[in-house]
Amino acid sequence: MPINTADTQYGDAQGTVSIDWHTSEIHEWAKDLGVPSNYFPLGISFRLGAVGPQQEPVLLVTIFAADKAMVGETADDIIRYVEQHPSIPVKQWDGRASLADLQKYIKRFEAVAKSVKIIGDTKFVPEEE
């Protein structure tokens, strides 16, 4: 279960992503996707598959969550857990969402990607005027 990096079919562009929740939206989204309350959601993946011009886009969502009995009940408990363990066991739940759900569950979202098949790991620098 590779969950540490994003990957698409061809991987033409790759980069980073950053998400801000309003407050506890990842917990609400996890609940709506059927994650049991004894699991603490720690990560999310969403994928937009190939869609045609006449189709409503569907978001495929995966929530990664850890068993509270194993890692602790609170964020502070989990912080202490990861300070003492090199990895954290998670289970995944898959579901579907609409693009409107992004607005419901996510406060801010940014994805940045570059054409790695063309420039590889070469870094961007500001063009001199």
C-alpha atoms as a PDB file:
ATOM      1  CA  MET A   1       0.000   0.000   0.000  1.00  0.00           C
ATOM      2  CA  PRO A   2       2.135   2.938  -1.236  1.00  0.00           C
ATOM      3  CA  ILE A   3       0.658   5.924   0.565  1.00  0.00           C
ATOM      4  CA  ASN A   4       3.600   8.271   0.918  1.00  0.00           C
ATOM      5  CA  THR A   5       3.722   9.679  -2.622  1.00  0.00           C
ATOM      6  CA  ALA A   6       1.185  10.595  -5.264  1.00  0.00           C
ATOM      7  CA  ASP A   7       1.218   8.714  -8.545  1.00  0.00           C
ATOM      8  CA  THR A   8      -0.924   8.795 -11.675  1.00  0.00           C
ATOM      9  CA  GLN A   9      -0.939   6.467 -14.671  1.00  0.00           C
ATOM     10  CA  TYR A  10       1.831   8.290 -16.534  1.00  0.00           C
ATOM     11  CA  GLY A  11       3.207  10.606 -13.846  1.00  0.00           C
ATOM     12  CA  ASP A  12       3.885  13.416 -16.330  1.00  0.00           C
ATOM     13  CA  ALA A  13       4.063  16.008 -13.555  1.00  0.00           C
ATOM     14  CA  GLN A  14       4.833  15.487  -9.877  1.00  0.00           C
ATOM     15  CA  GLY A  15       5.112  17.755  -6.877  1.00  0.00           C
ATOM     16  CA  THR A  16       3.684  18.568  -3.490  1.00  0.00           C
ATOM     17  CA  VAL A  17       0.327  19.349  -1.927  1.00  0.00           C
ATOM     18  CA  SER A  18      -0.804  21.262   1.148  1.00  0.00           C
ATOM     19  CA  ILE A  19      -4.256  21.178   2.786  1.00  0.00           C
ATOM     20  CA  ASP A  20      -5.836  23.207   5.588  1.00  0.00           C
ATOM     21  CA  TRP A  21      -8.949  21.888   7.316  1.00  0.00           C
ATOM     22  CA  HIS A  22     -11.499  24.307   8.775  1.00  0.00           C
ATOM     23  CA  THR A  23     -11.378  22.535  12.166  1.00  0.00           C
ATOM     24  CA  SER A  24     -12.066  18.812  12.336  1.00  0.00           C
ATOM     25  CA  GLU A  25     -13.261  18.215   8.769  1.00  0.00           C
ATOM     26  CA  ILE A  26     -11.010  15.229   8.146  1.00  0.00           C
ATOM     27  CA  HIS A  27     -12.802  13.508  11.042  1.00  0.00           C
ATOM     28  CA  GLU A  28     -16.203  14.377   9.538  1.00  0.00           C
ATOM     29  CA  TRP A  29     -15.139  13.247   6.069  1.00  0.00           C
ATOM     30  CA  ALA A  30     -13.801  10.010   7.545  1.00  0.00           C
ATOM     31  CA  LYS A  31     -17.099   9.439   9.362  1.00  0.00           C
ATOM     32  CA  ASP A  32     -19.071  10.121   6.166  1.00  0.00           C
ATOM     33  CA  LEU A  33     -16.895   7.568   4.328  1.00  0.00           C
ATOM     34  CA  GLY A  34     -17.599   4.909   6.959  1.00  0.00           C
ATOM     35  CA  VAL A  35     -14.413   5.047   9.027  1.00  0.00           C
ATOM     36  CA  PRO A  36     -15.274   3.669  12.501  1.00  0.00           C
ATOM     37  CA  SER A  37     -14.969   6.080  15.431  1.00  0.00           C
ATOM     38  CA  ASN A  38     -12.255   3.906  17.001  1.00  0.00           C
ATOM     39  CA  TYR A  39      -9.919   4.947  14.154  1.00  0.00           C
ATOM     40  CA  PHE A  40      -8.102   8.310  14.014  1.00  0.00           C
ATOM     41  CA  PRO A  41      -7.855   9.745  10.467  1.00  0.00           C
ATOM     42  CA  LEU A  42      -4.280  10.775   9.663  1.00  0.00           C
ATOM     43  CA  GLY A  43      -4.149  11.168   5.908  1.00  0.00           C
ATOM     44  CA  ILE A  44      -6.148  11.483   2.744  1.00  0.00           C
ATOM     45  CA  SER A  45      -5.707  10.746  -0.917  1.00  0.00           C
ATOM     46  CA  PHE A  46      -8.017  11.929  -3.632  1.00  0.00           C
ATOM     47  CA  ARG A  47      -7.841  11.181  -7.302  1.00  0.00           C
ATOM     48  CA  LEU A  48      -9.704  12.659 -10.222  1.00  0.00           C
ATOM     49  CA  GLY A  49      -9.952  10.024 -12.912  1.00  0.00           C
ATOM     50  CA  ALA A  50     -10.271  10.522 -16.651  1.00  0.00           C
ATOM     51  CA  VAL A  51     -13.570  12.230 -17.378  1.00  0.00           C
ATOM     52  CA  GLY A  52     -15.233  13.305 -20.593  1.00  0.00           C
ATOM     53  CA  PRO A  53     -16.481  16.834 -21.307  1.00  0.00           C
ATOM     54  CA  GLN A  54     -20.123  15.848 -20.683  1.00  0.00           C
ATOM     55  CA  GLN A  55     -19.503  14.001 -17.415  1.00  0.00           C
ATOM     56  CA  GLU A  56     -19.600  15.324 -13.864  1.00  0.00           C
ATOM     57  CA  PRO A  57     -16.154  14.715 -12.329  1.00  0.00           C
ATOM     58  CA  VAL A  58     -16.045  12.158  -9.540  1.00  0.00           C
ATOM     59  CA  LEU A  59     -13.412  12.316  -6.863  1.00  0.00           C
ATOM     60  CA  LEU A  60     -12.077   8.986  -5.577  1.00  0.00           C
ATOM     61  CA  VAL A  61     -11.189   9.482  -1.919  1.00  0.00           C
ATOM     62  CA  THR A  62      -9.111   7.336   0.432  1.00  0.00           C
ATOM     63  CA  ILE A  63      -8.862   8.040   4.155  1.00  0.00           C
ATOM     64  CA  PHE A  64      -5.888   6.570   6.030  1.00  0.00           C
ATOM     65  CA  ALA A  65      -6.596   6.054   9.728  1.00  0.00           C
ATOM     66  CA  ALA A  66      -4.885   4.436  12.701  1.00  0.00           C
ATOM     67  CA  ASP A  67      -6.516   2.262  15.348  1.00  0.00           C
ATOM     68  CA  LYS A  68      -6.840   4.386  18.498  1.00  0.00           C
ATOM     69  CA  ALA A  69      -6.298   1.289  20.660  1.00  0.00           C
ATOM     70  CA  MET A  70      -2.830   0.992  19.116  1.00  0.00           C
ATOM     71  CA  VAL A  71      -1.686   4.621  18.714  1.00  0.00           C
ATOM     72  CA  GLY A  72      -3.756   6.598  21.211  1.00  0.00           C
ATOM     73  CA  GLU A  73      -7.001   8.544  21.376  1.00  0.00           C
ATOM     74  CA  THR A  74      -5.764  12.089  20.767  1.00  0.00           C
ATOM     75  CA  ALA A  75      -3.387  13.989  18.499  1.00  0.00           C
ATOM     76  CA  ASP A  76      -0.993  14.357  21.451  1.00  0.00           C
ATOM     77  CA  ASP A  77      -1.067  10.577  22.023  1.00  0.00           C
ATOM     78  CA  ILE A  78      -0.254   9.980  18.364  1.00  0.00           C
ATOM     79  CA  ILE A  79       2.574  12.533  18.432  1.00  0.00           C
ATOM     80  CA  ARG A  80       4.099  10.592  21.332  1.00  0.00           C
ATOM     81  CA  TYR A  81       3.588   7.333  19.414  1.00  0.00           C
ATOM     82  CA  VAL A  82       5.427   8.530  16.286  1.00  0.00           C
ATOM     83  CA  GLU A  83       8.274   9.933  18.387  1.00  0.00           C
ATOM     84  CA  GLN A  84       8.967   6.346  19.470  1.00  0.00           C
ATOM     85  CA  HIS A  85       8.143   4.442  16.256  1.00  0.00           C
ATOM     86  CA  PRO A  86       9.593   4.813  12.735  1.00  0.00           C
ATOM     87  CA  SER A  87       6.221   4.130  11.086  1.00  0.00           C
ATOM     88  CA  ILE A  88       2.539   4.071  11.945  1.00  0.00           C
ATOM     89  CA  PRO A  89       0.153   1.283  10.910  1.00  0.00           C
ATOM     90  CA  VAL A  90      -2.932   2.543   9.089  1.00  0.00           C
ATOM     91  CA  LYS A  91      -5.984   1.058   7.460  1.00  0.00           C
ATOM     92  CA  GLN A  92      -7.618   2.647   4.424  1.00  0.00           C
ATOM     93  CA  TRP A  93     -11.226   3.367   3.520  1.00  0.00           C
ATOM     94  CA  ASP A  94     -12.178   4.228  -0.050  1.00  0.00           C
ATOM     95  CA  GLY A  95     -15.135   6.246  -1.242  1.00  0.00           C
ATOM     96  CA  ARG A  96     -16.398   8.772  -3.760  1.00  0.00           C
ATOM     97  CA  ALA A  97     -17.032  12.472  -3.413  1.00  0.00           C
ATOM     98  CA  SER A  98     -18.047  15.422  -5.541  1.00  0.00           C
ATOM     99  CA  LEU A  99     -15.977  18.503  -6.174  1.00  0.00           C
ATOM    100  CA  ALA A 100     -18.471  20.333  -3.909  1.00  0.00           C
ATOM    101  CA  ASP A 101     -17.310  18.078  -1.063  1.00  0.00           C
ATOM    102  CA  LEU A 102     -13.864  19.655  -1.350  1.00  0.00           C
ATOM    103  CA  GLN A 103     -15.417  22.987  -0.396  1.00  0.00           C
ATOM    104  CA  LYS A 104     -17.331  21.341   2.446  1.00  0.00           C
ATOM    105  CA  TYR A 105     -14.353  19.572   4.001  1.00  0.00           C
ATOM    106  CA  ILE A 106     -11.312  21.617   2.965  1.00  0.00           C
ATOM    107  CA  LYS A 107     -10.519  25.220   3.875  1.00  0.00           C
ATOM    108  CA  ARG A 108      -7.479  25.706   1.617  1.00  0.00           C
ATOM    109  CA  PHE A 109      -5.799  23.460  -0.925  1.00  0.00           C
ATOM    110  CA  GLU A 110      -2.721  23.938  -3.082  1.00  0.00           C
ATOM    111  CA  ALA A 111      -0.999  21.496  -5.410  1.00  0.00           C
ATOM    112  CA  VAL A 112       2.251  22.315  -7.184  1.00  0.00           C
ATOM    113  CA  ALA A 113       3.727  20.071  -9.876  1.00  0.00           C
ATOM    114  CA  LYS A 114       6.443  20.260 -12.501  1.00  0.00           C
ATOM    115  CA  SER A 115       7.093  18.267 -15.688  1.00  0.00           C
ATOM    116  CA  VAL A 116       9.435  15.672 -14.207  1.00  0.00           C
ATOM    117  CA  LYS A 117       9.628  13.660 -17.418  1.00  0.00           C
ATOM    118  CA  ILE A 118      11.210  16.692 -19.083  1.00  0.00           C
ATOM    119  CA  ILE A 119      13.270  18.331 -16.320  1.00  0.00           C
ATOM    120  CA  GLY A 120      13.570  15.589 -13.682  1.00  0.00           C
ATOM    121  CA  ASP A 121      14.619  16.924 -10.268  1.00  0.00           C
ATOM    122  CA  THR A 122      15.959  20.205 -11.690  1.00  0.00           C
ATOM    123  CA  LYS A 123      14.896  23.079  -9.437  1.00  0.00           C
ATOM    124  CA  PHE A 124      13.030  26.162 -10.632  1.00  0.00           C
ATOM    125  CA  VAL A 125      14.790  29.487 -10.022  1.00  0.00           C
ATOM    126  CA  PRO A 126      13.494  33.009 -10.740  1.00  0.00           C
ATOM    127  CA  GLU A 127      14.344  34.250 -14.219  1.00  0.00           C
ATOM    128  CA  GLU A 128      16.693  37.192 -14.134  1.00  0.00           C
ATOM    129  CA  GLU A 129      15.229  40.387 -15.583  1.00  0.00           C
END
